[in-house]
All heavy atoms as atom14 arrays in JSON, in Angstrom:
{
  "sequence": "APGVPEQGIAAVPAQLARTAAMAGADIRLGMRAGGVGRRDGIA",
  "atom14_mask": [
    [1, 1, 1, 1, 1, 0, 0, 0, 0, 0, 0, 0, 0, 0],
    [1, 1, 1, 1, 1, 1, 1, 0, 0, 0, 0, 0, 0, 0],
    [1, 1, 1, 1, 0, 0, 0, 0, 0, 0, 0, 0, 0, 0],
    [1, 1, 1, 1, 1, 1, 1, 0, 0, 0, 0, 0, 0, 0],
    [1, 1, 1, 1, 1, 1, 1, 0, 0, 0, 0, 0, 0, 0],
    [1, 1, 1, 1, 1, 1, 1, 1, 1, 0, 0, 0, 0, 0],
    [1, 1, 1, 1, 1, 1, 1, 1, 1, 0, 0, 0, 0, 0],
    [1, 1, 1, 1, 0, 0, 0, 0, 0, 0, 0, 0, 0, 0],
    [1, 1, 1, 1, 1, 1, 1, 1, 0, 0, 0, 0, 0, 0],
    [1, 1, 1, 1, 1, 0, 0, 0, 0, 0, 0, 0, 0, 0],
    [1, 1, 1, 1, 1, 0, 0, 0, 0, 0, 0, 0, 0, 0],
    [1, 1, 1, 1, 1, 1, 1, 0, 0, 0, 0, 0, 0, 0],
    [1, 1, 1, 1, 1, 1, 1, 0, 0, 0, 0, 0, 0, 0],
    [1, 1, 1, 1, 1, 0, 0, 0, 0, 0, 0, 0, 0, 0],
    [1, 1, 1, 1, 1, 1, 1, 1, 1, 0, 0, 0, 0, 0],
    [1, 1, 1, 1, 1, 1, 1, 1, 0, 0, 0, 0, 0, 0],
    [1, 1, 1, 1, 1, 0, 0, 0, 0, 0, 0, 0, 0, 0],
    [1, 1, 1, 1, 1, 1, 1, 1, 1, 1, 1, 0, 0, 0],
    [1, 1, 1, 1, 1, 1, 1, 0, 0, 0, 0, 0, 0, 0],
    [1, 1, 1, 1, 1, 0, 0, 0, 0, 0, 0, 0, 0, 0],
    [1, 1, 1, 1, 1, 0, 0, 0, 0, 0, 0, 0, 0, 0],
    [1, 1, 1, 1, 1, 1, 1, 1, 0, 0, 0, 0, 0, 0],
    [1, 1, 1, 1, 1, 0, 0, 0, 0, 0, 0, 0, 0, 0],
    [1, 1, 1, 1, 0, 0, 0, 0, 0, 0, 0, 0, 0, 0],
    [1, 1, 1, 1, 1, 0, 0, 0, 0, 0, 0, 0, 0, 0],
    [1, 1, 1, 1, 1, 1, 1, 1, 0, 0, 0, 0, 0, 0],
    [1, 1, 1, 1, 1, 1, 1, 1, 0, 0, 0, 0, 0, 0],
    [1, 1, 1, 1, 1, 1, 1, 1, 1, 1, 1, 0, 0, 0],
    [1, 1, 1, 1, 1, 1, 1, 1, 0, 0, 0, 0, 0, 0],
    [1, 1, 1, 1, 0, 0, 0, 0, 0, 0, 0, 0, 0, 0],
    [1, 1, 1, 1, 1, 1, 1, 1, 0, 0, 0, 0, 0, 0],
    [1, 1, 1, 1, 1, 1, 1, 1, 1, 1, 1, 0, 0, 0],
    [1, 1, 1, 1, 1, 0, 0, 0, 0, 0, 0, 0, 0, 0],
    [1, 1, 1, 1, 0, 0, 0, 0, 0, 0, 0, 0, 0, 0],
    [1, 1, 1, 1, 0, 0, 0, 0, 0, 0, 0, 0, 0, 0],
    [1, 1, 1, 1, 1, 1, 1, 0, 0, 0, 0, 0, 0, 0],
    [1, 1, 1, 1, 0, 0, 0, 0, 0, 0, 0, 0, 0, 0],
    [1, 1, 1, 1, 1, 1, 1, 1, 1, 1, 1, 0, 0, 0],
    [1, 1, 1, 1, 1, 1, 1, 1, 1, 1, 1, 0, 0, 0],
    [1, 1, 1, 1, 1, 1, 1, 1, 0, 0, 0, 0, 0, 0],
    [1, 1, 1, 1, 0, 0, 0, 0, 0, 0, 0, 0, 0, 0],
    [1, 1, 1, 1, 1, 1, 1, 1, 0, 0, 0, 0, 0, 0],
    [1, 1, 1, 1, 1, 0, 0, 0, 0, 0, 0, 0, 0, 0]
  ],
  "atom14_positions": [
    [[57.53, -25.45, 9.09], [56.22, -25.14, 8.73], [55.91, -25.71, 7.3], [56.03, -24.98, 6.4], [55.83, -23.75, 8.92], [0.0, 0.0, 0.0], [0.0, 0.0, 0.0], [0.0, 0.0, 0.0], [0.0, 0.0, 0.0], [0.0, 0.0, 0.0], [0.0, 0.0, 0.0], [0.0, 0.0, 0.0], [0.0, 0.0, 0.0], [0.0, 0.0, 0.0]],
    [[55.59, -26.95, 7.18], [55.43, -27.51, 5.78], [54.34, -26.82, 5.03], [53.37, -26.23, 5.51], [55.03, -29.01, 6.1], [55.47, -29.33, 7.41], [55.33, -27.99, 8.23], [0.0, 0.0, 0.0], [0.0, 0.0, 0.0], [0.0, 0.0, 0.0], [0.0, 0.0, 0.0], [0.0, 0.0, 0.0], [0.0, 0.0, 0.0], [0.0, 0.0, 0.0]],
    [[54.59, -26.76, 3.72], [53.55, -26.13, 2.85], [53.69, -26.58, 1.4], [54.39, -27.64, 1.15], [0.0, 0.0, 0.0], [0.0, 0.0, 0.0], [0.0, 0.0, 0.0], [0.0, 0.0, 0.0], [0.0, 0.0, 0.0], [0.0, 0.0, 0.0], [0.0, 0.0, 0.0], [0.0, 0.0, 0.0], [0.0, 0.0, 0.0], [0.0, 0.0, 0.0]],
    [[53.32, -25.81, 0.45], [53.35, -26.18, -0.99], [53.83, -24.86, -1.64], [53.59, -23.83, -1.31], [52.07, -26.62, -1.55], [51.69, -27.9, -1.01], [50.93, -25.53, -1.32], [0.0, 0.0, 0.0], [0.0, 0.0, 0.0], [0.0, 0.0, 0.0], [0.0, 0.0, 0.0], [0.0, 0.0, 0.0], [0.0, 0.0, 0.0], [0.0, 0.0, 0.0]],
    [[54.75, -25.02, -2.71], [55.19, -23.89, -3.44], [53.9, -23.27, -4.14], [52.99, -23.89, -4.43], [56.11, -24.51, -4.45], [56.56, -25.73, -3.87], [55.38, -26.28, -3.16], [0.0, 0.0, 0.0], [0.0, 0.0, 0.0], [0.0, 0.0, 0.0], [0.0, 0.0, 0.0], [0.0, 0.0, 0.0], [0.0, 0.0, 0.0], [0.0, 0.0, 0.0]],
    [[54.01, -21.94, -4.36], [52.9, -21.22, -4.92], [52.38, -21.75, -6.29], [51.26, -21.86, -6.47], [53.19, -19.83, -5.09], [52.13, -18.86, -5.71], [52.59, -17.48, -5.68], [53.54, -17.14, -6.51], [52.06, -16.55, -5.04], [0.0, 0.0, 0.0], [0.0, 0.0, 0.0], [0.0, 0.0, 0.0], [0.0, 0.0, 0.0], [0.0, 0.0, 0.0]],
    [[53.32, -22.29, -6.99], [53.0, -22.97, -8.35], [52.99, -24.47, -8.5], [53.11, -25.02, -9.44], [53.91, -22.41, -9.49], [53.75, -20.92, -9.76], [52.34, -20.5, -9.93], [51.67, -21.23, -10.82], [51.78, -19.5, -9.28], [0.0, 0.0, 0.0], [0.0, 0.0, 0.0], [0.0, 0.0, 0.0], [0.0, 0.0, 0.0], [0.0, 0.0, 0.0]],
    [[52.83, -25.04, -7.16], [52.88, -26.46, -7.1], [54.25, -27.19, -6.77], [55.22, -26.56, -6.9], [0.0, 0.0, 0.0], [0.0, 0.0, 0.0], [0.0, 0.0, 0.0], [0.0, 0.0, 0.0], [0.0, 0.0, 0.0], [0.0, 0.0, 0.0], [0.0, 0.0, 0.0], [0.0, 0.0, 0.0], [0.0, 0.0, 0.0], [0.0, 0.0, 0.0]],
    [[54.1, -28.51, -6.39], [55.22, -29.12, -5.88], [56.27, -29.29, -7.08], [57.41, -29.33, -6.91], [54.89, -30.6, -5.46], [56.02, -31.07, -4.53], [54.42, -31.49, -6.34], [56.33, -30.28, -3.26], [0.0, 0.0, 0.0], [0.0, 0.0, 0.0], [0.0, 0.0, 0.0], [0.0, 0.0, 0.0], [0.0, 0.0, 0.0], [0.0, 0.0, 0.0]],
    [[55.87, -29.24, -8.26], [56.73, -29.44, -9.47], [57.75, -28.29, -9.59], [58.66, -28.43, -10.24], [55.94, -29.48, -10.65], [0.0, 0.0, 0.0], [0.0, 0.0, 0.0], [0.0, 0.0, 0.0], [0.0, 0.0, 0.0], [0.0, 0.0, 0.0], [0.0, 0.0, 0.0], [0.0, 0.0, 0.0], [0.0, 0.0, 0.0], [0.0, 0.0, 0.0]],
    [[57.39, -27.12, -8.89], [58.51, -26.02, -8.74], [59.72, -26.42, -8.22], [60.8, -26.03, -8.51], [57.78, -24.88, -8.17], [0.0, 0.0, 0.0], [0.0, 0.0, 0.0], [0.0, 0.0, 0.0], [0.0, 0.0, 0.0], [0.0, 0.0, 0.0], [0.0, 0.0, 0.0], [0.0, 0.0, 0.0], [0.0, 0.0, 0.0], [0.0, 0.0, 0.0]],
    [[59.67, -27.5, -7.31], [60.94, -27.92, -6.67], [61.92, -28.57, -7.65], [63.04, -28.11, -7.84], [60.74, -28.94, -5.44], [61.97, -29.31, -4.79], [59.83, -28.09, -4.46], [0.0, 0.0, 0.0], [0.0, 0.0, 0.0], [0.0, 0.0, 0.0], [0.0, 0.0, 0.0], [0.0, 0.0, 0.0], [0.0, 0.0, 0.0], [0.0, 0.0, 0.0]],
    [[61.44, -29.69, -8.39], [62.44, -30.25, -9.26], [62.64, -29.29, -10.45], [63.79, -29.35, -11.12], [61.68, -31.46, -9.85], [60.23, -31.23, -9.48], [60.23, -30.45, -8.24], [0.0, 0.0, 0.0], [0.0, 0.0, 0.0], [0.0, 0.0, 0.0], [0.0, 0.0, 0.0], [0.0, 0.0, 0.0], [0.0, 0.0, 0.0], [0.0, 0.0, 0.0]],
    [[61.77, -28.39, -10.81], [62.11, -27.41, -11.97], [63.24, -26.47, -11.53], [64.2, -26.31, -12.39], [60.93, -26.52, -12.23], [0.0, 0.0, 0.0], [0.0, 0.0, 0.0], [0.0, 0.0, 0.0], [0.0, 0.0, 0.0], [0.0, 0.0, 0.0], [0.0, 0.0, 0.0], [0.0, 0.0, 0.0], [0.0, 0.0, 0.0], [0.0, 0.0, 0.0]],
    [[63.29, -26.2, -10.24], [64.33, -25.35, -9.81], [65.63, -26.06, -9.81], [66.73, -25.69, -10.18], [64.13, -24.87, -8.44], [65.11, -23.87, -7.86], [64.84, -23.55, -6.43], [65.64, -24.11, -5.55], [63.9, -22.64, -6.19], [0.0, 0.0, 0.0], [0.0, 0.0, 0.0], [0.0, 0.0, 0.0], [0.0, 0.0, 0.0], [0.0, 0.0, 0.0]],
    [[65.65, -27.4, -9.32], [66.91, -28.23, -9.32], [67.3, -28.49, -10.82], [68.61, -28.44, -11.02], [66.54, -29.5, -8.61], [66.2, -29.56, -7.07], [65.67, -30.86, -6.7], [67.33, -29.11, -6.34], [0.0, 0.0, 0.0], [0.0, 0.0, 0.0], [0.0, 0.0, 0.0], [0.0, 0.0, 0.0], [0.0, 0.0, 0.0], [0.0, 0.0, 0.0]],
    [[66.39, -28.64, -11.64], [66.81, -28.8, -13.1], [67.56, -27.57, -13.63], [68.6, -27.69, -14.37], [65.52, -29.1, -13.9], [0.0, 0.0, 0.0], [0.0, 0.0, 0.0], [0.0, 0.0, 0.0], [0.0, 0.0, 0.0], [0.0, 0.0, 0.0], [0.0, 0.0, 0.0], [0.0, 0.0, 0.0], [0.0, 0.0, 0.0], [0.0, 0.0, 0.0]],
    [[67.03, -26.43, -13.26], [67.81, -25.18, -13.75], [69.09, -25.11, -13.16], [70.06, -24.67, -13.92], [66.89, -23.99, -13.29], [65.6, -23.75, -14.05], [65.0, -22.32, -13.86], [64.74, -22.01, -12.51], [63.55, -22.34, -11.97], [62.59, -22.95, -12.59], [63.45, -21.97, -10.65], [0.0, 0.0, 0.0], [0.0, 0.0, 0.0], [0.0, 0.0, 0.0]],
    [[69.27, -25.49, -11.84], [70.58, -25.41, -11.22], [71.52, -26.39, -12.01], [72.66, -26.07, -12.2], [70.42, -25.83, -9.74], [69.55, -24.94, -9.07], [71.75, -25.81, -9.13], [0.0, 0.0, 0.0], [0.0, 0.0, 0.0], [0.0, 0.0, 0.0], [0.0, 0.0, 0.0], [0.0, 0.0, 0.0], [0.0, 0.0, 0.0], [0.0, 0.0, 0.0]],
    [[71.06, -27.6, -12.31], [71.91, -28.64, -12.98], [72.23, -28.14, -14.42], [73.43, -28.19, -14.83], [71.09, -29.9, -13.03], [0.0, 0.0, 0.0], [0.0, 0.0, 0.0], [0.0, 0.0, 0.0], [0.0, 0.0, 0.0], [0.0, 0.0, 0.0], [0.0, 0.0, 0.0], [0.0, 0.0, 0.0], [0.0, 0.0, 0.0], [0.0, 0.0, 0.0]],
    [[71.2, -27.57, -15.07], [71.44, -27.02, -16.48], [72.5, -25.93, -16.46], [73.32, -25.76, -17.27], [70.17, -26.58, -17.15], [0.0, 0.0, 0.0], [0.0, 0.0, 0.0], [0.0, 0.0, 0.0], [0.0, 0.0, 0.0], [0.0, 0.0, 0.0], [0.0, 0.0, 0.0], [0.0, 0.0, 0.0], [0.0, 0.0, 0.0], [0.0, 0.0, 0.0]],
    [[72.4, -24.96, -15.53], [73.39, -23.85, -15.44], [74.77, -24.42, -15.22], [75.71, -23.67, -15.47], [72.87, -22.81, -14.37], [71.52, -22.12, -14.66], [70.99, -21.08, -13.3], [72.38, -20.02, -13.14], [0.0, 0.0, 0.0], [0.0, 0.0, 0.0], [0.0, 0.0, 0.0], [0.0, 0.0, 0.0], [0.0, 0.0, 0.0], [0.0, 0.0, 0.0]],
    [[74.86, -25.55, -14.5], [76.09, -26.05, -14.2], [76.71, -26.85, -15.38], [77.94, -27.3, -15.43], [76.09, -27.04, -13.03], [0.0, 0.0, 0.0], [0.0, 0.0, 0.0], [0.0, 0.0, 0.0], [0.0, 0.0, 0.0], [0.0, 0.0, 0.0], [0.0, 0.0, 0.0], [0.0, 0.0, 0.0], [0.0, 0.0, 0.0], [0.0, 0.0, 0.0]],
    [[75.91, -26.95, -16.43], [76.46, -27.62, -17.64], [75.76, -28.99, -17.93], [76.0, -29.54, -19.02], [0.0, 0.0, 0.0], [0.0, 0.0, 0.0], [0.0, 0.0, 0.0], [0.0, 0.0, 0.0], [0.0, 0.0, 0.0], [0.0, 0.0, 0.0], [0.0, 0.0, 0.0], [0.0, 0.0, 0.0], [0.0, 0.0, 0.0], [0.0, 0.0, 0.0]],
    [[74.83, -29.52, -17.15], [74.23, -30.8, -17.27], [73.28, -30.76, -18.51], [72.49, -29.66, -18.64], [73.5, -31.28, -16.13], [0.0, 0.0, 0.0], [0.0, 0.0, 0.0], [0.0, 0.0, 0.0], [0.0, 0.0, 0.0], [0.0, 0.0, 0.0], [0.0, 0.0, 0.0], [0.0, 0.0, 0.0], [0.0, 0.0, 0.0], [0.0, 0.0, 0.0]],
    [[73.17, -31.71, -19.3], [72.26, -31.76, -20.54], [71.08, -32.72, -20.1], [71.32, -33.9, -19.97], [73.09, -32.28, -21.82], [72.2, -32.46, -22.88], [71.11, -31.97, -22.99], [72.61, -33.12, -23.96], [0.0, 0.0, 0.0], [0.0, 0.0, 0.0], [0.0, 0.0, 0.0], [0.0, 0.0, 0.0], [0.0, 0.0, 0.0], [0.0, 0.0, 0.0]],
    [[70.02, -32.01, -19.93], [68.81, -32.86, -19.42], [67.92, -33.14, -20.73], [67.47, -32.18, -21.44], [67.93, -31.97, -18.48], [68.9, -31.77, -17.18], [66.71, -32.88, -18.04], [68.24, -30.85, -16.19], [0.0, 0.0, 0.0], [0.0, 0.0, 0.0], [0.0, 0.0, 0.0], [0.0, 0.0, 0.0], [0.0, 0.0, 0.0], [0.0, 0.0, 0.0]],
    [[67.66, -34.33, -20.98], [67.0, -34.86, -22.16], [65.67, -35.64, -21.7], [65.82, -36.63, -21.03], [67.92, -35.82, -23.07], [69.19, -35.24, -23.43], [70.07, -36.16, -24.26], [71.31, -35.49, -24.52], [72.27, -36.3, -25.21], [72.07, -37.5, -25.75], [73.54, -35.73, -25.5], [0.0, 0.0, 0.0], [0.0, 0.0, 0.0], [0.0, 0.0, 0.0]],
    [[64.57, -34.91, -22.18], [63.35, -35.62, -21.75], [62.86, -36.49, -22.8], [63.21, -36.48, -24.04], [62.42, -34.45, -21.54], [62.72, -33.34, -20.62], [61.69, -32.32, -20.53], [63.04, -34.05, -19.26], [0.0, 0.0, 0.0], [0.0, 0.0, 0.0], [0.0, 0.0, 0.0], [0.0, 0.0, 0.0], [0.0, 0.0, 0.0], [0.0, 0.0, 0.0]],
    [[61.98, -37.43, -22.34], [61.43, -38.48, -23.37], [62.44, -39.5, -23.75], [62.29, -39.98, -24.87], [0.0, 0.0, 0.0], [0.0, 0.0, 0.0], [0.0, 0.0, 0.0], [0.0, 0.0, 0.0], [0.0, 0.0, 0.0], [0.0, 0.0, 0.0], [0.0, 0.0, 0.0], [0.0, 0.0, 0.0], [0.0, 0.0, 0.0], [0.0, 0.0, 0.0]],
    [[63.29, -39.84, -22.99], [64.55, -40.67, -23.3], [64.54, -41.84, -22.26], [65.0, -41.6, -21.09], [65.81, -40.11, -23.23], [65.89, -38.85, -24.34], [66.12, -39.45, -26.06], [67.85, -39.86, -25.97], [0.0, 0.0, 0.0], [0.0, 0.0, 0.0], [0.0, 0.0, 0.0], [0.0, 0.0, 0.0], [0.0, 0.0, 0.0], [0.0, 0.0, 0.0]],
    [[63.95, -42.88, -22.54], [63.84, -44.03, -21.5], [64.97, -45.03, -21.71], [65.21, -45.6, -22.7], [62.39, -44.79, -21.67], [62.25, -46.04, -20.8], [60.92, -46.66, -20.94], [59.91, -45.82, -20.52], [59.44, -45.88, -19.19], [59.96, -46.67, -18.27], [58.43, -45.03, -18.75], [0.0, 0.0, 0.0], [0.0, 0.0, 0.0], [0.0, 0.0, 0.0]],
    [[65.78, -45.27, -20.65], [66.7, -46.31, -20.59], [66.14, -47.61, -20.62], [65.27, -47.97, -19.94], [67.72, -46.15, -19.39], [0.0, 0.0, 0.0], [0.0, 0.0, 0.0], [0.0, 0.0, 0.0], [0.0, 0.0, 0.0], [0.0, 0.0, 0.0], [0.0, 0.0, 0.0], [0.0, 0.0, 0.0], [0.0, 0.0, 0.0], [0.0, 0.0, 0.0]],
    [[66.64, -48.49, -21.46], [66.22, -49.82, -21.71], [67.12, -50.9, -20.95], [66.63, -52.01, -20.67], [0.0, 0.0, 0.0], [0.0, 0.0, 0.0], [0.0, 0.0, 0.0], [0.0, 0.0, 0.0], [0.0, 0.0, 0.0], [0.0, 0.0, 0.0], [0.0, 0.0, 0.0], [0.0, 0.0, 0.0], [0.0, 0.0, 0.0], [0.0, 0.0, 0.0]],
    [[68.27, -50.46, -20.58], [69.16, -51.43, -19.88], [70.48, -50.76, -19.77], [70.9, -49.9, -20.45], [0.0, 0.0, 0.0], [0.0, 0.0, 0.0], [0.0, 0.0, 0.0], [0.0, 0.0, 0.0], [0.0, 0.0, 0.0], [0.0, 0.0, 0.0], [0.0, 0.0, 0.0], [0.0, 0.0, 0.0], [0.0, 0.0, 0.0], [0.0, 0.0, 0.0]],
    [[71.34, -51.29, -18.83], [72.63, -50.75, -18.45], [73.58, -51.99, -18.56], [73.35, -53.05, -17.78], [72.76, -50.03, -17.1], [74.07, -49.63, -16.66], [71.74, -49.03, -17.05], [0.0, 0.0, 0.0], [0.0, 0.0, 0.0], [0.0, 0.0, 0.0], [0.0, 0.0, 0.0], [0.0, 0.0, 0.0], [0.0, 0.0, 0.0], [0.0, 0.0, 0.0]],
    [[74.7, -51.82, -19.22], [75.72, -52.84, -19.37], [77.07, -52.31, -19.15], [77.15, -51.07, -19.04], [0.0, 0.0, 0.0], [0.0, 0.0, 0.0], [0.0, 0.0, 0.0], [0.0, 0.0, 0.0], [0.0, 0.0, 0.0], [0.0, 0.0, 0.0], [0.0, 0.0, 0.0], [0.0, 0.0, 0.0], [0.0, 0.0, 0.0], [0.0, 0.0, 0.0]],
    [[78.03, -53.2, -18.87], [79.4, -52.57, -18.72], [80.44, -53.49, -19.55], [80.48, -54.75, -19.39], [79.69, -52.74, -17.19], [81.03, -52.11, -16.74], [80.92, -50.76, -16.61], [82.17, -50.11, -16.07], [82.32, -48.86, -15.99], [81.34, -48.0, -16.32], [83.42, -48.26, -15.57], [0.0, 0.0, 0.0], [0.0, 0.0, 0.0], [0.0, 0.0, 0.0]],
    [[81.12, -52.78, -20.4], [82.11, -53.55, -21.18], [83.51, -52.69, -21.23], [83.41, -51.46, -21.54], [81.71, -53.81, -22.64], [80.5, -54.74, -22.72], [80.13, -55.15, -24.2], [79.85, -53.92, -24.97], [78.68, -53.47, -25.1], [77.58, -53.91, -24.31], [78.37, -52.38, -25.89], [0.0, 0.0, 0.0], [0.0, 0.0, 0.0], [0.0, 0.0, 0.0]],
    [[84.61, -53.4, -20.99], [85.86, -52.77, -21.13], [86.03, -51.46, -20.24], [86.65, -50.55, -20.74], [86.28, -52.45, -22.52], [86.29, -53.63, -23.38], [86.63, -54.7, -22.82], [85.77, -53.55, -24.56], [0.0, 0.0, 0.0], [0.0, 0.0, 0.0], [0.0, 0.0, 0.0], [0.0, 0.0, 0.0], [0.0, 0.0, 0.0], [0.0, 0.0, 0.0]],
    [[85.35, -51.37, -19.02], [85.43, -50.38, -18.17], [84.6, -49.14, -18.51], [84.69, -48.14, -17.87], [0.0, 0.0, 0.0], [0.0, 0.0, 0.0], [0.0, 0.0, 0.0], [0.0, 0.0, 0.0], [0.0, 0.0, 0.0], [0.0, 0.0, 0.0], [0.0, 0.0, 0.0], [0.0, 0.0, 0.0], [0.0, 0.0, 0.0], [0.0, 0.0, 0.0]],
    [[83.69, -49.36, -19.51], [82.79, -48.29, -19.99], [81.42, -48.78, -19.83], [81.01, -49.89, -20.1], [83.04, -47.96, -21.41], [84.46, -47.3, -21.55], [81.96, -46.86, -21.9], [84.71, -45.96, -20.85], [0.0, 0.0, 0.0], [0.0, 0.0, 0.0], [0.0, 0.0, 0.0], [0.0, 0.0, 0.0], [0.0, 0.0, 0.0], [0.0, 0.0, 0.0]],
    [[80.52, -47.9, -19.36], [79.02, -48.2, -19.12], [78.41, -47.96, -20.47], [78.6, -47.02, -21.04], [78.34, -47.5, -17.97], [0.0, 0.0, 0.0], [0.0, 0.0, 0.0], [0.0, 0.0, 0.0], [0.0, 0.0, 0.0], [0.0, 0.0, 0.0], [0.0, 0.0, 0.0], [0.0, 0.0, 0.0], [0.0, 0.0, 0.0], [0.0, 0.0, 0.0]]
  ]
}
């Protein structure tokens, strides 16, 4: 029965972000990647 979260669809990624942060992930906002390279086995 599809629907929407009471506080909007953004509640879904907000919950996933809390789960990731509680596991130890460092989420940094306003940080845009400009390119990805690989040298000596390190990205």
